[in-house]
Protein backbone atom coordinates (compact mmCIF):
# COMPACT_ATOMS: atom_id res chain seq x y z
CA MET A 1 147.07 -66.41 48.31
CA ALA A 2 148.17 -66.48 51.82
CA LYS A 3 151.18 -64.63 53.24
CA GLY A 4 154.23 -66.65 52.82
CA ASP A 5 152.96 -68.74 49.83
CA THR A 6 155.32 -66.94 47.35
CA VAL A 7 158.67 -68.49 46.87
CA THR A 8 161.63 -66.84 45.07
CA PHE A 9 164.14 -68.87 43.04
CA SER A 10 167.25 -67.59 41.45
CA ARG A 11 168.16 -68.44 37.85
CA ALA A 12 170.53 -70.95 39.09
CA ASN A 13 167.99 -72.71 41.12
CA ILE A 14 165.66 -72.65 38.00
CA ALA A 15 168.39 -74.10 35.93
CA ALA A 16 169.04 -76.73 38.32
CA MET A 17 165.27 -77.66 38.48
CA LYS A 18 165.25 -77.93 34.69
CA SER A 19 168.20 -80.07 34.25
CA SER A 20 166.84 -82.47 37.01
CA GLY A 21 163.57 -82.72 35.38
CA LYS A 22 161.58 -81.18 38.21
CA ILE A 23 160.17 -78.52 35.83
CA ARG A 24 159.81 -78.46 32.13
CA ALA A 25 158.23 -76.61 29.51
CA THR A 26 154.75 -77.42 28.43
CA PRO A 27 154.91 -79.77 25.34
CA GLU A 28 153.71 -78.28 22.10
CA ASP A 29 151.18 -81.08 21.64
CA ALA A 30 149.62 -80.67 25.09
CA PRO A 31 145.84 -80.10 24.78
CA PRO A 32 144.77 -76.57 25.43
CA TYR A 33 142.74 -75.79 28.65
CA GLU A 34 139.60 -74.15 28.09
CA PRO A 35 137.66 -73.11 31.20
CA ASP A 36 134.22 -74.09 31.22
CA GLU A 37 131.16 -72.18 32.60
CA ALA A 38 131.46 -73.79 36.21
CA PHE A 39 135.05 -72.37 36.36
CA TRP A 40 133.96 -68.85 35.24
CA ALA A 41 131.02 -69.06 37.72
CA LYS A 42 133.31 -69.45 40.74
CA ALA A 43 136.06 -67.16 39.54
CA GLU A 44 136.67 -63.87 41.28
CA ILE A 45 138.87 -61.02 40.66
CA VAL A 46 141.62 -60.68 43.08
CA SER A 47 143.51 -57.35 43.28
CA THR A 48 147.39 -57.67 43.65
CA ARG A 49 147.96 -54.00 44.78
CA PRO A 50 147.08 -52.80 48.22
CA PRO A 51 144.08 -50.38 48.29
CA ARG A 52 144.95 -46.75 47.79
CA LYS A 53 145.30 -44.49 50.68
CA VAL A 54 142.60 -42.02 51.57
CA SER A 55 143.42 -38.54 51.54
CA VAL A 56 141.94 -36.39 54.46
CA HIS A 57 142.28 -33.10 56.14
CA LEU A 58 142.73 -33.42 59.94
CA ARG A 59 142.89 -30.66 62.55
CA LEU A 60 145.40 -31.61 65.36
CA ASP A 61 146.40 -30.19 68.62
CA PRO A 62 149.78 -28.34 68.22
CA ASP A 63 151.49 -30.68 70.94
CA VAL A 64 150.31 -33.67 69.11
CA MET A 65 151.87 -32.62 65.87
CA ALA A 66 155.13 -31.50 67.73
CA PHE A 67 155.40 -34.93 69.41
CA PHE A 68 155.23 -36.77 66.18
CA LYS A 69 157.71 -34.22 64.44
CA THR A 70 160.33 -34.65 67.08
CA GLU A 71 161.44 -38.00 65.42
CA GLY A 72 162.10 -36.16 62.20
CA ALA A 73 160.77 -37.15 58.67
CA GLY A 74 158.08 -39.53 58.34
CA HIS A 75 155.60 -38.17 60.95
CA LEU A 76 152.71 -38.44 58.84
CA THR A 77 153.38 -42.12 58.32
CA ARG A 78 153.96 -42.79 62.05
CA MET A 79 150.66 -41.09 62.86
CA ALA A 80 148.85 -43.41 60.19
CA GLN A 81 150.64 -46.45 62.05
CA VAL A 82 149.41 -45.46 65.29
CA LEU A 83 145.88 -44.97 63.97
CA LYS A 84 145.96 -48.36 62.12
CA THR A 85 147.14 -50.17 65.42
CA TYR A 86 144.45 -48.40 67.37
CA ALA A 87 141.76 -49.37 64.99
CA LYS A 88 142.99 -53.10 64.78
CA ALA A 89 142.99 -53.34 68.48
CA LYS A 90 139.67 -51.61 68.94
CA SER A 91 138.10 -53.94 66.27
CA ARG A 92 139.27 -57.01 67.99
CA SER A 93 137.97 -55.98 71.44
CA THR A 94 134.54 -54.95 70.00
CA GLY A 95 134.35 -57.78 67.30
CA LEU A 96 134.05 -55.32 64.34
CA ARG A 97 135.40 -56.28 61.08
CA LYS A 98 137.03 -54.14 58.21
CA GLY A 99 134.58 -52.23 56.50
CA GLY A 100 131.90 -52.59 59.19
């Protein structure tokens, strides 16, 4: 699913779509769908959760730590964001891809 593919509807929106006939429940007499072998051969598991963070021990120069702490709480998150931005920029300039 591409970013921005998800649409959110309120209960009122859904009720309006039901009453106008745009959406309806599956009829009880509808034939069941049974995926065949070709479906399962192409199926892939997609994680809906972001990958877990990796825990590391990192030794920093005191002035670097002090710099990030000056803006208060969240200094470790800011450090991670700076490193992530650097890694993305570097991978674009060298043509490296995620995980390689």
